Amino acid sequence: MKILVTGASGFVGRAIVAELVRRGHEVTAGSRRGTDLPSAPGVALDVTDPASVRRAVEATQPEALVHLVGIIAEEGTQTFQRVHVEGTRHVLAAAPRPVRYLHMSALGADEASKSGYSRSKAQAEALVRASGLDWTIFRPSLIFGPGDDFFGRVLRDLVSTAPVVPQIGQGQFPFRPISVEDVALAFAGALDRPETVGQTYELAGPEEYTFRELLELELGALGKRKPIVPVPLALMDLAVPLMGLLPKPPITRDQYAMLKAGNTAPPDRSRDTFDLPLRRLPDALPEILGRR
């Protein structure tokens, strides 16, 4: 099958492209720079520019579109509305008919959310459902694997920088991280399963952790022993907006809202549908942190 993948040069995109190629598909990797990947040729594709999307689609004539482009923090003109909502609108408008369409959303997508990220993901989902295409939507929890930003950088910096580890509130927010390998298997597997058309799947890992437990896992994988000190939510509510004044804040208001909401779901439906092995986070952390 001829497949065009948007956001192919990213952490998740590279894994999905590699899995699709492994299964024998003819894949083109779409990215803003049009960079070739080791496993697939590249094409320039900027989802915020409808003409760029049309050119990429016309050049590749895909039978399937895998739309992965997303941002976790807004910067300049790269806003959640422009990238997630309008970007999705441009991809859907350019999609040939008929085409199989796979969409990357996020666990917690909700138009009533306090998080602009989660609201924009829900708005994009609404566009997909109204598109008339043969779509499947995936909502992953935190995604881990070599090269990930959260476990490989954010949490690592959090537990490594100071003599103590700051913990937001009581640290009871729940998460169920899933491996990038499992996410790639789910996306690739949907193309072989017609029954997944018109379905939304939550992608979550085999074990649920509180935020405090994630900090403890990160410390253990790094071989560090430090006290974890709770920071009252009332203090965080005051500090986070002030952090937003920094050039690169350690946490944005939006990320703070998502953190307090948690990020978890039962894994059973997606595991059974796509025969996912569901790799465990503790087994992967040493590799992610370069200690294996």
C-alpha atoms as a PDB file:
ATOM      1  CA  MET A   1       0.000   0.000   0.000  1.00  0.00           C
ATOM      2  CA  LYS A   2       1.239   3.525  -0.827  1.00  0.00           C
ATOM      3  CA  ILE A   3       1.253   5.526   2.413  1.00  0.00           C
ATOM      4  CA  LEU A   4       2.015   9.184   3.174  1.00  0.00           C
ATOM      5  CA  VAL A   5       2.958   9.909   6.801  1.00  0.00           C
ATOM      6  CA  THR A   6       2.865  13.467   8.143  1.00  0.00           C
ATOM      7  CA  GLY A   7       5.197  14.317  11.022  1.00  0.00           C
ATOM      8  CA  ALA A   8       7.365  11.401   9.954  1.00  0.00           C
ATOM      9  CA  SER A   9      10.653  12.834  11.214  1.00  0.00           C
ATOM     10  CA  GLY A  10       9.469  13.000  14.825  1.00  0.00           C
ATOM     11  CA  PHE A  11      10.008  10.512  17.646  1.00  0.00           C
ATOM     12  CA  VAL A  12       6.769   8.602  16.986  1.00  0.00           C
ATOM     13  CA  GLY A  13       6.812   9.184  13.244  1.00  0.00           C
ATOM     14  CA  ARG A  14      10.144   7.427  12.751  1.00  0.00           C
ATOM     15  CA  ALA A  15       8.904   4.360  14.634  1.00  0.00           C
ATOM     16  CA  ILE A  16       5.657   4.171  12.664  1.00  0.00           C
ATOM     17  CA  VAL A  17       7.408   4.652   9.311  1.00  0.00           C
ATOM     18  CA  ALA A  18       9.884   1.891  10.151  1.00  0.00           C
ATOM     19  CA  GLU A  19       7.098  -0.515  11.133  1.00  0.00           C
ATOM     20  CA  LEU A  20       5.092   0.231   7.975  1.00  0.00           C
ATOM     21  CA  VAL A  21       8.155  -0.359   5.792  1.00  0.00           C
ATOM     22  CA  ARG A  22       8.912  -3.568   7.674  1.00  0.00           C
ATOM     23  CA  ARG A  23       5.448  -4.790   6.689  1.00  0.00           C
ATOM     24  CA  GLY A  24       6.128  -4.136   3.024  1.00  0.00           C
ATOM     25  CA  HIS A  25       4.311  -0.840   2.464  1.00  0.00           C
ATOM     26  CA  GLU A  26       5.575   1.885   0.111  1.00  0.00           C
ATOM     27  CA  VAL A  27       5.980   4.778   2.531  1.00  0.00           C
ATOM     28  CA  THR A  28       6.795   8.442   1.962  1.00  0.00           C
ATOM     29  CA  ALA A  29       7.920  10.438   5.007  1.00  0.00           C
ATOM     30  CA  GLY A  30       6.329  13.881   5.107  1.00  0.00           C
ATOM     31  CA  SER A  31       8.030  16.629   7.133  1.00  0.00           C
ATOM     32  CA  ARG A  32       8.568  20.376   6.896  1.00  0.00           C
ATOM     33  CA  ARG A  33      12.094  19.890   5.529  1.00  0.00           C
ATOM     34  CA  GLY A  34      11.250  16.850   3.418  1.00  0.00           C
ATOM     35  CA  THR A  35      14.146  14.916   4.952  1.00  0.00           C
ATOM     36  CA  ASP A  36      14.738  11.337   3.825  1.00  0.00           C
ATOM     37  CA  LEU A  37      14.606   8.765   6.639  1.00  0.00           C
ATOM     38  CA  PRO A  38      16.803   5.638   6.745  1.00  0.00           C
ATOM     39  CA  SER A  39      13.704   3.589   5.968  1.00  0.00           C
ATOM     40  CA  ALA A  40      11.785   5.859   3.563  1.00  0.00           C
ATOM     41  CA  PRO A  41      12.171   8.771   1.128  1.00  0.00           C
ATOM     42  CA  GLY A  42      11.011  12.187   2.290  1.00  0.00           C
ATOM     43  CA  VAL A  43       8.701  14.858   0.870  1.00  0.00           C
ATOM     44  CA  ALA A  44       8.254  18.460   2.010  1.00  0.00           C
ATOM     45  CA  LEU A  45       4.935  18.807   3.829  1.00  0.00           C
ATOM     46  CA  ASP A  46       3.974  21.691   6.141  1.00  0.00           C
ATOM     47  CA  VAL A  47       0.480  21.064   7.521  1.00  0.00           C
ATOM     48  CA  THR A  48       0.003  24.776   8.272  1.00  0.00           C
ATOM     49  CA  ASP A  49       0.308  25.509   4.533  1.00  0.00           C
ATOM     50  CA  PRO A  50      -2.560  23.991   2.510  1.00  0.00           C
ATOM     51  CA  ALA A  51      -0.643  24.351  -0.761  1.00  0.00           C
ATOM     52  CA  SER A  52       2.281  22.384   0.689  1.00  0.00           C
ATOM     53  CA  VAL A  53      -0.070  19.596   1.761  1.00  0.00           C
ATOM     54  CA  ARG A  54      -1.724  19.453  -1.660  1.00  0.00           C
ATOM     55  CA  ARG A  55       1.642  19.252  -3.425  1.00  0.00           C
ATOM     56  CA  ALA A  56       2.798  16.390  -1.198  1.00  0.00           C
ATOM     57  CA  VAL A  57      -0.439  14.452  -1.746  1.00  0.00           C
ATOM     58  CA  GLU A  58      -0.388  15.026  -5.507  1.00  0.00           C
ATOM     59  CA  ALA A  59       3.249  13.918  -5.696  1.00  0.00           C
ATOM     60  CA  THR A  60       2.724  10.695  -3.743  1.00  0.00           C
ATOM     61  CA  GLN A  61      -0.869   9.678  -4.602  1.00  0.00           C
ATOM     62  CA  PRO A  62      -1.296   7.770  -1.324  1.00  0.00           C
ATOM     63  CA  GLU A  63      -3.795   5.008  -0.669  1.00  0.00           C
ATOM     64  CA  ALA A  64      -3.458   5.708   3.053  1.00  0.00           C
ATOM     65  CA  LEU A  65      -2.678   8.846   5.062  1.00  0.00           C
ATOM     66  CA  VAL A  66      -1.190   8.694   8.549  1.00  0.00           C
ATOM     67  CA  HIS A  67      -1.464  12.096  10.223  1.00  0.00           C
ATOM     68  CA  LEU A  68       0.892  12.472  13.204  1.00  0.00           C
ATOM     69  CA  VAL A  69       1.850  16.159  13.318  1.00  0.00           C
ATOM     70  CA  GLY A  70       1.521  17.705  16.765  1.00  0.00           C
ATOM     71  CA  ILE A  71       3.172  20.093  19.204  1.00  0.00           C
ATOM     72  CA  ILE A  72       3.263  19.868  23.002  1.00  0.00           C
ATOM     73  CA  ALA A  73       3.909  23.593  23.602  1.00  0.00           C
ATOM     74  CA  GLU A  74       3.019  26.690  21.611  1.00  0.00           C
ATOM     75  CA  GLU A  75       5.821  28.844  20.226  1.00  0.00           C
ATOM     76  CA  GLY A  76       5.403  31.893  18.005  1.00  0.00           C
ATOM     77  CA  THR A  77       2.998  31.150  15.164  1.00  0.00           C
ATOM     78  CA  GLN A  78       3.031  27.432  15.972  1.00  0.00           C
ATOM     79  CA  THR A  79      -0.150  27.387  18.058  1.00  0.00           C
ATOM     80  CA  PHE A  80      -2.343  24.426  18.978  1.00  0.00           C
ATOM     81  CA  GLN A  81      -5.156  25.851  16.857  1.00  0.00           C
ATOM     82  CA  ARG A  82      -2.949  26.369  13.813  1.00  0.00           C
ATOM     83  CA  VAL A  83      -1.095  23.048  13.981  1.00  0.00           C
ATOM     84  CA  HIS A  84      -3.648  20.611  15.398  1.00  0.00           C
ATOM     85  CA  VAL A  85      -6.945  22.006  14.117  1.00  0.00           C
ATOM     86  CA  GLU A  86      -6.133  23.896  10.927  1.00  0.00           C
ATOM     87  CA  GLY A  87      -3.346  21.456  10.067  1.00  0.00           C
ATOM     88  CA  THR A  88      -5.785  18.564  10.287  1.00  0.00           C
ATOM     89  CA  ARG A  89      -8.309  20.523   8.231  1.00  0.00           C
ATOM     90  CA  HIS A  90      -5.703  21.000   5.474  1.00  0.00           C
ATOM     91  CA  VAL A  91      -4.727  17.308   5.433  1.00  0.00           C
ATOM     92  CA  LEU A  92      -8.357  16.180   5.271  1.00  0.00           C
ATOM     93  CA  ALA A  93      -9.130  18.636   2.451  1.00  0.00           C
ATOM     94  CA  ALA A  94      -6.166  17.410   0.389  1.00  0.00           C
ATOM     95  CA  ALA A  95      -6.789  13.697   1.031  1.00  0.00           C
ATOM     96  CA  PRO A  96      -7.682  11.772  -2.141  1.00  0.00           C
ATOM     97  CA  ARG A  97     -10.984   9.891  -2.212  1.00  0.00           C
ATOM     98  CA  PRO A  98     -11.030   7.062  -1.363  1.00  0.00           C
ATOM     99  CA  VAL A  99      -8.185   6.924   1.181  1.00  0.00           C
ATOM    100  CA  ARG A 100      -7.571   5.133   4.460  1.00  0.00           C
ATOM    101  CA  TYR A 101      -6.909   7.721   7.163  1.00  0.00           C
ATOM    102  CA  LEU A 102      -5.179   7.158  10.532  1.00  0.00           C
ATOM    103  CA  HIS A 103      -5.135  10.046  13.003  1.00  0.00           C
ATOM    104  CA  MET A 104      -2.918  10.711  16.013  1.00  0.00           C
ATOM    105  CA  SER A 105      -4.886  12.370  18.795  1.00  0.00           C
ATOM    106  CA  ALA A 106      -4.157  12.183  22.539  1.00  0.00           C
ATOM    107  CA  LEU A 107      -5.589  10.646  25.671  1.00  0.00           C
ATOM    108  CA  GLY A 108      -7.636  13.332  27.395  1.00  0.00           C
ATOM    109  CA  ALA A 109      -8.793  15.043  24.195  1.00  0.00           C
ATOM    110  CA  ASP A 110     -11.833  17.016  25.358  1.00  0.00           C
ATOM    111  CA  GLU A 111     -13.343  20.283  24.129  1.00  0.00           C
ATOM    112  CA  ALA A 112     -14.185  21.156  27.756  1.00  0.00           C
ATOM    113  CA  SER A 113     -10.601  20.642  28.980  1.00  0.00           C
ATOM    114  CA  LYS A 114      -8.675  23.411  30.763  1.00  0.00           C
ATOM    115  CA  SER A 115      -5.751  22.518  28.490  1.00  0.00           C
ATOM    116  CA  GLY A 116      -5.559  24.209  25.102  1.00  0.00           C
ATOM    117  CA  TYR A 117      -3.644  21.180  23.823  1.00  0.00           C
ATOM    118  CA  SER A 118      -6.442  18.785  24.797  1.00  0.00           C
ATOM    119  CA  ARG A 119      -9.158  21.095  23.462  1.00  0.00           C
ATOM    120  CA  SER A 120      -7.416  21.390  20.094  1.00  0.00           C
ATOM    121  CA  LYS A 121      -6.982  17.621  19.870  1.00  0.00           C
ATOM    122  CA  ALA A 122     -10.728  17.171  20.430  1.00  0.00           C
ATOM    123  CA  GLN A 123     -11.543  19.797  17.785  1.00  0.00           C
ATOM    124  CA  ALA A 124      -9.307  17.983  15.302  1.00  0.00           C
ATOM    125  CA  GLU A 125     -11.050  14.694  16.104  1.00  0.00           C
ATOM    126  CA  ALA A 126     -14.408  16.301  15.289  1.00  0.00           C
ATOM    127  CA  LEU A 127     -13.088  17.298  11.856  1.00  0.00           C
ATOM    128  CA  VAL A 128     -11.906  13.731  11.224  1.00  0.00           C
ATOM    129  CA  ARG A 129     -15.257  12.209  12.187  1.00  0.00           C
ATOM    130  CA  ALA A 130     -17.086  14.591   9.850  1.00  0.00           C
ATOM    131  CA  SER A 131     -14.688  14.019   6.931  1.00  0.00           C
ATOM    132  CA  GLY A 132     -16.437  11.071   5.283  1.00  0.00           C
ATOM    133  CA  LEU A 133     -13.099   9.211   5.079  1.00  0.00           C
ATOM    134  CA  ASP A 134     -12.393   5.689   6.329  1.00  0.00           C
ATOM    135  CA  TRP A 135     -10.773   6.937   9.526  1.00  0.00           C
ATOM    136  CA  THR A 136      -9.342   5.480  12.718  1.00  0.00           C
ATOM    137  CA  ILE A 137      -8.357   7.715  15.640  1.00  0.00           C
ATOM    138  CA  PHE A 138      -5.707   6.810  18.210  1.00  0.00           C
ATOM    139  CA  ARG A 139      -5.423   8.448  21.631  1.00  0.00           C
ATOM    140  CA  PRO A 140      -2.095   7.494  23.244  1.00  0.00           C
ATOM    141  CA  SER A 141      -1.059   8.159  26.825  1.00  0.00           C
ATOM    142  CA  LEU A 142       2.540   9.269  27.518  1.00  0.00           C
ATOM    143  CA  ILE A 143       4.739   7.564  24.910  1.00  0.00           C
ATOM    144  CA  PHE A 144       8.135   6.250  25.957  1.00  0.00           C
ATOM    145  CA  GLY A 145      11.129   4.939  24.047  1.00  0.00           C
ATOM    146  CA  PRO A 146      14.700   5.889  23.087  1.00  0.00           C
ATOM    147  CA  GLY A 147      14.642   9.529  22.040  1.00  0.00           C
ATOM    148  CA  ASP A 148      11.423  10.471  23.842  1.00  0.00           C
ATOM    149  CA  ASP A 149      11.236  13.945  25.354  1.00  0.00           C
ATOM    150  CA  PHE A 150       9.325  13.297  28.578  1.00  0.00           C
ATOM    151  CA  PHE A 151      11.244  10.439  30.189  1.00  0.00           C
ATOM    152  CA  GLY A 152      14.503  11.086  28.371  1.00  0.00           C
ATOM    153  CA  ARG A 153      14.695  14.815  29.094  1.00  0.00           C
ATOM    154  CA  VAL A 154      11.912  16.412  31.206  1.00  0.00           C
ATOM    155  CA  LEU A 155      11.803  13.881  34.040  1.00  0.00           C
ATOM    156  CA  ARG A 156      15.530  13.262  33.842  1.00  0.00           C
ATOM    157  CA  ASP A 157      16.235  16.978  34.301  1.00  0.00           C
ATOM    158  CA  LEU A 158      13.657  17.214  37.080  1.00  0.00           C
ATOM    159  CA  VAL A 159      15.261  14.485  39.189  1.00  0.00           C
ATOM    160  CA  SER A 160      18.861  15.411  38.320  1.00  0.00           C
ATOM    161  CA  THR A 161      19.147  19.187  38.639  1.00  0.00           C
ATOM    162  CA  ALA A 162      18.572  19.966  42.327  1.00  0.00           C
ATOM    163  CA  PRO A 163      19.601  18.238  45.591  1.00  0.00           C
ATOM    164  CA  VAL A 164      15.920  17.405  46.117  1.00  0.00           C
ATOM    165  CA  VAL A 165      13.248  16.344  43.633  1.00  0.00           C
ATOM    166  CA  PRO A 166      10.219  18.679  43.496  1.00  0.00           C
ATOM    167  CA  GLN A 167       6.893  16.873  43.351  1.00  0.00           C
ATOM    168  CA  ILE A 168       3.731  18.669  42.252  1.00  0.00           C
ATOM    169  CA  GLY A 169       1.194  18.382  45.045  1.00  0.00           C
ATOM    170  CA  GLN A 170       0.846  14.911  46.516  1.00  0.00           C
ATOM    171  CA  GLY A 171       1.929  13.352  43.225  1.00  0.00           C
ATOM    172  CA  GLN A 172      -1.147  11.150  42.890  1.00  0.00           C
ATOM    173  CA  PHE A 173      -2.025  12.056  39.290  1.00  0.00           C
ATOM    174  CA  PRO A 174      -2.335   8.723  37.381  1.00  0.00           C
ATOM    175  CA  PHE A 175      -0.525   7.819  34.155  1.00  0.00           C
ATOM    176  CA  ARG A 176      -0.335   4.681  32.025  1.00  0.00           C
ATOM    177  CA  PRO A 177       2.640   5.164  29.652  1.00  0.00           C
ATOM    178  CA  ILE A 178       2.828   3.141  26.449  1.00  0.00           C
ATOM    179  CA  SER A 179       5.906   2.244  24.416  1.00  0.00           C
ATOM    180  CA  VAL A 180       6.532   3.768  20.996  1.00  0.00           C
ATOM    181  CA  GLU A 181       6.872   0.217  19.637  1.00  0.00           C
ATOM    182  CA  ASP A 182       3.309  -0.586  20.743  1.00  0.00           C
ATOM    183  CA  VAL A 183       2.004   2.641  19.225  1.00  0.00           C
ATOM    184  CA  ALA A 184       3.666   1.782  15.905  1.00  0.00           C
ATOM    185  CA  LEU A 185       2.165  -1.721  15.969  1.00  0.00           C
ATOM    186  CA  ALA A 186      -1.319  -0.292  16.548  1.00  0.00           C
ATOM    187  CA  PHE A 187      -1.099   2.184  13.668  1.00  0.00           C
ATOM    188  CA  ALA A 188       0.310  -0.382  11.247  1.00  0.00           C
ATOM    189  CA  GLY A 189      -2.150  -3.026  12.416  1.00  0.00           C
ATOM    190  CA  ALA A 190      -5.168  -0.813  11.714  1.00  0.00           C
ATOM    191  CA  LEU A 191      -4.413  -0.954   7.981  1.00  0.00           C
ATOM    192  CA  ASP A 192      -4.912  -4.741   8.064  1.00  0.00           C
ATOM    193  CA  ARG A 193      -8.157  -4.607  10.058  1.00  0.00           C
ATOM    194  CA  PRO A 194     -11.199  -3.183   8.202  1.00  0.00           C
ATOM    195  CA  GLU A 195     -13.223  -3.450  11.409  1.00  0.00           C
ATOM    196  CA  THR A 196     -11.194  -0.576  12.901  1.00  0.00           C
ATOM    197  CA  VAL A 197     -12.678   1.950  10.440  1.00  0.00           C
ATOM    198  CA  GLY A 198     -14.767   4.518  12.287  1.00  0.00           C
ATOM    199  CA  GLN A 199     -13.284   3.529  15.656  1.00  0.00           C
ATOM    200  CA  THR A 200     -11.348   5.447  18.310  1.00  0.00           C
ATOM    201  CA  TYR A 201      -8.736   3.574  20.346  1.00  0.00           C
ATOM    202  CA  GLU A 202      -7.109   4.645  23.590  1.00  0.00           C
ATOM    203  CA  LEU A 203      -3.493   3.474  23.671  1.00  0.00           C
ATOM    204  CA  ALA A 204      -2.224   2.824  27.192  1.00  0.00           C
ATOM    205  CA  GLY A 205       0.444   0.635  28.752  1.00  0.00           C
ATOM    206  CA  PRO A 206       0.139  -2.424  30.997  1.00  0.00           C
ATOM    207  CA  GLU A 207       0.734  -0.625  34.317  1.00  0.00           C
ATOM    208  CA  GLU A 208      -0.609   2.530  35.938  1.00  0.00           C
ATOM    209  CA  TYR A 209       1.720   4.833  37.891  1.00  0.00           C
ATOM    210  CA  THR A 210       1.225   7.934  39.981  1.00  0.00           C
ATOM    211  CA  PHE A 211       3.412  10.924  39.202  1.00  0.00           C
ATOM    212  CA  ARG A 212       5.391  10.189  42.373  1.00  0.00           C
ATOM    213  CA  GLU A 213       5.977   6.615  41.217  1.00  0.00           C
ATOM    214  CA  LEU A 214       7.283   7.910  37.887  1.00  0.00           C
ATOM    215  CA  LEU A 215       9.762  10.113  39.759  1.00  0.00           C
ATOM    216  CA  GLU A 216      10.863   7.121  41.828  1.00  0.00           C
ATOM    217  CA  LEU A 217      11.281   4.958  38.706  1.00  0.00           C
ATOM    218  CA  GLU A 218      13.369   7.660  37.035  1.00  0.00           C
ATOM    219  CA  LEU A 219      15.594   8.036  40.106  1.00  0.00           C
ATOM    220  CA  GLY A 220      16.067   4.271  40.322  1.00  0.00           C
ATOM    221  CA  ALA A 221      16.940   3.908  36.640  1.00  0.00           C
ATOM    222  CA  LEU A 222      19.544   6.681  37.006  1.00  0.00           C
ATOM    223  CA  GLY A 223      20.981   5.100  40.136  1.00  0.00           C
ATOM    224  CA  LYS A 224      20.222   8.201  42.216  1.00  0.00           C
ATOM    225  CA  ARG A 225      18.896   8.560  45.759  1.00  0.00           C
ATOM    226  CA  LYS A 226      17.295  11.891  46.602  1.00  0.00           C
ATOM    227  CA  PRO A 227      14.428  13.073  48.784  1.00  0.00           C
ATOM    228  CA  ILE A 228      11.192  13.853  46.932  1.00  0.00           C
ATOM    229  CA  VAL A 229       9.638  17.044  48.307  1.00  0.00           C
ATOM    230  CA  PRO A 230       5.953  17.863  47.649  1.00  0.00           C
ATOM    231  CA  VAL A 231       5.244  21.390  46.417  1.00  0.00           C
ATOM    232  CA  PRO A 232       1.702  22.470  47.446  1.00  0.00           C
ATOM    233  CA  LEU A 233      -0.665  22.990  44.530  1.00  0.00           C
ATOM    234  CA  ALA A 234      -1.531  26.475  45.838  1.00  0.00           C
ATOM    235  CA  LEU A 235       2.125  27.443  45.463  1.00  0.00           C
ATOM    236  CA  MET A 236       2.359  25.811  42.035  1.00  0.00           C
ATOM    237  CA  ASP A 237      -0.748  27.722  40.936  1.00  0.00           C
ATOM    238  CA  LEU A 238       1.152  30.937  41.662  1.00  0.00           C
ATOM    239  CA  ALA A 239       4.547  29.812  40.352  1.00  0.00           C
ATOM    240  CA  VAL A 240       3.559  28.320  36.982  1.00  0.00           C
ATOM    241  CA  PRO A 241       2.246  31.608  35.472  1.00  0.00           C
ATOM    242  CA  LEU A 242       5.492  33.312  36.576  1.00  0.00           C
ATOM    243  CA  MET A 243       7.525  30.527  34.946  1.00  0.00           C
ATOM    244  CA  GLY A 244       5.733  31.394  31.715  1.00  0.00           C
ATOM    245  CA  LEU A 245       7.704  34.652  31.627  1.00  0.00           C
ATOM    246  CA  LEU A 246      10.940  32.697  31.148  1.00  0.00           C
ATOM    247  CA  PRO A 247      12.300  32.114  27.596  1.00  0.00           C
ATOM    248  CA  LYS A 248      11.975  28.328  28.079  1.00  0.00           C
ATOM    249  CA  PRO A 249       9.770  27.626  31.110  1.00  0.00           C
ATOM    250  CA  PRO A 250      10.283  24.232  32.803  1.00  0.00           C
ATOM    251  CA  ILE A 251       6.515  23.753  32.682  1.00  0.00           C
ATOM    252  CA  THR A 252       3.830  25.741  30.860  1.00  0.00           C
ATOM    253  CA  ARG A 253       0.331  26.502  32.132  1.00  0.00           C
ATOM    254  CA  ASP A 254      -1.026  24.067  29.583  1.00  0.00           C
ATOM    255  CA  GLN A 255       1.311  21.252  30.612  1.00  0.00           C
ATOM    256  CA  TYR A 256       0.464  21.932  34.264  1.00  0.00           C
ATOM    257  CA  ALA A 257      -3.260  21.597  33.517  1.00  0.00           C
ATOM    258  CA  MET A 258      -2.672  18.303  31.689  1.00  0.00           C
ATOM    259  CA  LEU A 259      -0.492  16.980  34.507  1.00  0.00           C
ATOM    260  CA  LYS A 260      -3.153  17.654  37.132  1.00  0.00           C
ATOM    261  CA  ALA A 261      -5.757  15.924  34.944  1.00  0.00           C
ATOM    262  CA  GLY A 262      -3.710  12.700  34.749  1.00  0.00           C
ATOM    263  CA  ASN A 263      -3.468  10.497  31.694  1.00  0.00           C
ATOM    264  CA  THR A 264      -4.755   6.942  31.970  1.00  0.00           C
ATOM    265  CA  ALA A 265      -7.177   4.476  30.389  1.00  0.00           C
ATOM    266  CA  PRO A 266      -7.776   0.704  30.332  1.00  0.00           C
ATOM    267  CA  PRO A 267      -5.416  -0.991  27.828  1.00  0.00           C
ATOM    268  CA  ASP A 268      -7.566  -4.050  27.114  1.00  0.00           C
ATOM    269  CA  ARG A 269      -9.438  -3.007  23.957  1.00  0.00           C
ATOM    270  CA  SER A 270      -6.430  -1.764  21.985  1.00  0.00           C
ATOM    271  CA  ARG A 271      -4.214  -4.610  23.261  1.00  0.00           C
ATOM    272  CA  ASP A 272      -6.714  -7.234  22.126  1.00  0.00           C
ATOM    273  CA  THR A 273      -7.568  -5.553  18.812  1.00  0.00           C
ATOM    274  CA  PHE A 274      -3.961  -5.089  17.683  1.00  0.00           C
ATOM    275  CA  ASP A 275      -2.256  -7.960  19.573  1.00  0.00           C
ATOM    276  CA  LEU A 276       0.022  -5.520  21.385  1.00  0.00           C
ATOM    277  CA  PRO A 277       2.788  -6.948  23.596  1.00  0.00           C
ATOM    278  CA  LEU A 278       2.629  -3.832  25.833  1.00  0.00           C
ATOM    279  CA  ARG A 279       6.236  -3.295  26.836  1.00  0.00           C
ATOM    280  CA  ARG A 280       6.800  -2.260  30.468  1.00  0.00           C
ATOM    281  CA  LEU A 281       8.246   1.161  31.301  1.00  0.00           C
ATOM    282  CA  PRO A 282      10.738  -0.128  33.954  1.00  0.00           C
ATOM    283  CA  ASP A 283      12.246  -2.479  31.355  1.00  0.00           C
ATOM    284  CA  ALA A 284      12.741   0.368  28.868  1.00  0.00           C
ATOM    285  CA  LEU A 285      13.989   3.167  31.146  1.00  0.00           C
ATOM    286  CA  PRO A 286      17.658   2.074  31.264  1.00  0.00           C
ATOM    287  CA  GLU A 287      17.821   2.193  27.456  1.00  0.00           C
ATOM    288  CA  ILE A 288      15.978   5.530  27.315  1.00  0.00           C
ATOM    289  CA  LEU A 289      18.392   7.025  29.821  1.00  0.00           C
ATOM    290  CA  GLY A 290      21.467   5.529  28.190  1.00  0.00           C
ATOM    291  CA  ARG A 291      22.338   3.261  31.128  1.00  0.00           C
ATOM    292  CA  ARG A 292      22.089  -0.100  29.378  1.00  0.00           C
END
